[in-house]
Protein backbone atom coordinates (compact mmCIF):
# COMPACT_ATOMS: atom_id res chain seq x y z
CA UNK A 1 105.46 99.01 113.64
CA UNK A 2 108.22 101.09 115.17
CA UNK A 3 107.36 102.26 118.66
CA UNK A 4 107.59 105.98 117.91
CA UNK A 5 105.66 105.83 114.62
CA UNK A 6 101.94 106.54 114.77
CA UNK A 7 100.41 106.21 111.34
CA UNK A 8 97.28 108.03 112.53
CA UNK A 9 99.32 111.11 113.40
CA UNK A 10 102.01 111.01 110.73
CA UNK A 11 102.57 114.21 108.79
CA UNK A 12 104.54 112.50 106.08
CA UNK A 13 104.52 115.43 103.73
CA UNK A 14 103.59 119.09 103.60
CA UNK A 15 102.67 121.32 100.67
CA UNK A 16 106.26 122.62 100.76
CA UNK A 17 107.49 119.12 99.87
CA UNK A 18 105.33 118.87 96.74
CA UNK A 19 106.89 119.82 93.39
CA UNK A 20 104.37 120.43 90.62
CA UNK A 21 105.28 120.63 86.94
CA UNK A 22 108.60 118.92 87.73
CA UNK A 23 111.11 118.73 84.91
CA UNK A 24 114.28 116.73 85.45
CA UNK A 25 116.88 115.30 83.09
CA UNK A 26 116.85 111.93 84.86
CA UNK A 27 115.89 110.15 88.08
CA UNK A 28 118.98 111.48 89.88
CA UNK A 29 117.99 115.08 89.16
CA UNK A 30 114.40 114.31 90.20
CA UNK A 31 115.64 112.90 93.51
CA UNK A 32 117.79 116.02 93.99
CA UNK A 33 114.79 118.31 93.51
CA UNK A 34 112.66 116.32 95.94
CA UNK A 35 115.44 115.93 98.53
CA UNK A 36 116.07 119.69 98.32
CA UNK A 37 112.40 120.28 99.18
CA UNK A 38 112.84 117.99 102.21
CA UNK A 39 116.04 119.79 103.20
CA UNK A 40 114.32 123.20 102.92
CA UNK A 41 111.47 121.86 105.08
CA UNK A 42 113.95 120.86 107.79
CA UNK A 43 113.44 117.11 107.34
CA UNK A 44 116.98 116.39 106.06
CA UNK A 45 120.09 117.76 107.80
CA UNK A 46 122.75 116.96 105.16
CA UNK A 47 121.47 117.20 101.59
CA UNK A 48 124.62 115.81 99.93
CA UNK A 49 124.94 112.91 102.36
CA UNK A 50 121.28 111.99 102.01
CA UNK A 51 121.40 112.14 98.20
CA UNK A 52 124.42 109.78 98.19
CA UNK A 53 122.33 107.25 100.09
CA UNK A 54 119.29 107.68 97.83
CA UNK A 55 121.40 107.29 94.69
CA UNK A 56 123.24 104.29 96.13
CA UNK A 57 119.87 102.64 96.79
CA UNK A 58 118.73 103.46 93.25
CA UNK A 59 121.78 101.69 91.80
CA UNK A 60 120.99 98.52 93.78
CA UNK A 61 117.49 97.99 92.45
CA UNK A 62 115.03 99.81 90.21
CA UNK A 63 112.34 101.69 92.14
CA UNK A 64 109.80 102.11 89.35
CA UNK A 65 106.30 100.77 89.97
CA UNK A 66 103.65 99.98 87.37
CA UNK A 67 101.37 102.87 86.50
CA UNK A 68 104.01 105.55 85.96
CA UNK A 69 105.41 105.69 89.51
CA UNK A 70 108.97 106.32 90.69
CA UNK A 71 109.47 105.43 94.36
CA UNK A 72 113.06 106.21 95.35
CA UNK A 73 113.68 105.69 99.06
CA UNK A 74 116.36 105.55 101.71
CA UNK A 75 116.87 105.19 105.43
CA UNK A 76 119.38 107.75 106.61
CA UNK A 77 120.97 109.27 109.69
CA UNK A 78 120.39 112.64 107.98
CA UNK A 79 116.58 112.28 108.18
CA UNK A 80 114.88 113.69 111.28
CA UNK A 81 111.42 112.20 110.69
CA UNK A 82 109.76 109.98 108.13
CA UNK A 83 108.99 112.16 105.13
CA UNK A 84 107.71 111.90 101.59
CA UNK A 85 108.39 114.48 98.90
CA UNK A 86 106.15 114.28 95.85
CA UNK A 87 106.94 115.32 92.30
CA UNK A 88 104.33 115.47 89.55
CA UNK A 89 106.09 115.88 86.24
CA UNK A 90 105.17 118.48 83.69
CA UNK A 91 102.70 117.23 81.08
CA UNK A 92 104.50 115.13 78.48
CA UNK A 93 107.60 114.68 80.67
CA UNK A 94 108.48 111.34 82.25
CA UNK A 95 111.48 109.75 83.97
CA UNK A 96 112.89 106.24 83.77
CA UNK A 97 112.86 104.54 87.16
CA UNK A 98 113.12 101.05 85.66
CA UNK A 99 109.45 100.02 85.73
CA UNK A 100 108.55 97.33 83.23
CA UNK A 101 105.61 99.35 81.87
CA UNK A 102 107.62 102.51 81.15
CA UNK A 103 108.68 105.82 82.66
CA UNK A 104 107.23 107.64 85.66
CA UNK A 105 105.32 110.90 85.79
CA UNK A 106 104.67 110.69 89.52
CA UNK A 107 107.74 110.47 91.79
CA UNK A 108 107.59 109.98 95.56
CA UNK A 109 110.84 110.15 97.52
CA UNK A 110 110.53 108.36 100.87
CA UNK A 111 113.02 109.24 103.60
CA UNK A 112 113.10 107.57 107.01
CA UNK A 113 115.51 107.85 109.93
CA UNK A 114 118.32 105.25 109.83
CA UNK A 115 117.11 103.35 112.90
CA UNK A 116 113.50 103.03 111.74
CA UNK A 117 113.65 99.80 109.73
CA UNK A 118 110.10 98.59 110.43
CA UNK A 119 108.65 102.06 109.96
CA UNK A 120 110.44 102.35 106.61
CA UNK A 121 108.98 99.04 105.43
CA UNK A 122 105.48 99.90 106.65
CA UNK A 123 105.42 103.27 104.90
CA UNK A 124 106.91 101.81 101.72
CA UNK A 125 104.50 98.86 101.63
CA UNK A 126 101.39 100.88 102.50
CA UNK A 127 102.18 103.58 99.99
CA UNK A 128 102.94 101.00 97.28
CA UNK A 129 99.55 99.36 97.93
CA UNK A 130 97.79 102.72 97.70
CA UNK A 131 99.68 103.55 94.50
CA UNK A 132 98.61 100.23 92.96
CA UNK A 133 95.11 101.72 92.66
CA UNK A 134 94.67 103.69 89.47
CA UNK A 135 92.12 106.01 91.09
CA UNK A 136 94.64 107.01 93.79
CA UNK A 137 97.43 107.63 91.25
CA UNK A 138 95.11 109.74 89.13
CA UNK A 139 93.95 111.75 92.15
CA UNK A 140 97.58 112.67 92.85
CA UNK A 141 98.29 113.53 89.21
CA UNK A 142 95.19 115.66 88.73
CA UNK A 143 95.21 117.54 92.03
CA UNK A 144 97.36 120.50 90.82
CA UNK A 145 97.37 121.74 94.41
CA UNK A 146 100.20 120.96 96.85
CA UNK A 147 97.80 121.01 99.83
CA UNK A 148 95.49 118.43 98.26
CA UNK A 149 98.42 116.21 97.28
CA UNK A 150 99.88 116.42 100.80
CA UNK A 151 96.52 115.45 102.30
CA UNK A 152 96.16 112.50 99.91
CA UNK A 153 99.61 111.22 100.88
CA UNK A 154 99.14 111.79 104.61
CA UNK A 155 95.74 110.07 104.64
CA UNK A 156 97.00 107.07 102.63
CA UNK A 157 98.53 105.51 105.74
CA UNK A 158 95.50 106.21 107.90
CA UNK A 159 92.77 104.98 105.60
CA UNK A 160 94.42 102.04 103.89
CA UNK A 161 92.88 98.84 105.16
CA UNK A 162 95.70 96.43 106.03
């Protein structure tokens, strides 16, 4: 774990970084919507610079997970604190993030400061383990309330048993 990262006190997301009924033409547009929410929340200082890094990472390797999940992520000097923006797509709308089982209807953009390599890996791994549980994915999809979704994300790092 990174020294400054306390998973018991991490406010990874806020209701302002949750996009419900998200409609995007593709994964790049989805990342733009989620990064914009982070920028508006003061978590990203340079929206264009951060999006370049996210899209560069997306071109290296697919970030789709089984179960309809898109998990784009990047470490960046434009990120002030580890953050997760969540997009739940509009019913019947899904985006291709390269998962073997098909497109995603739940997209989580993870942003960590450039120097926080171990923190980035911990958040990514812990969230991926949580998202591997169908009950957790369905809780996020069915919440329809940004506050509930934010709490589910924030508590995922605290309550997941390593």
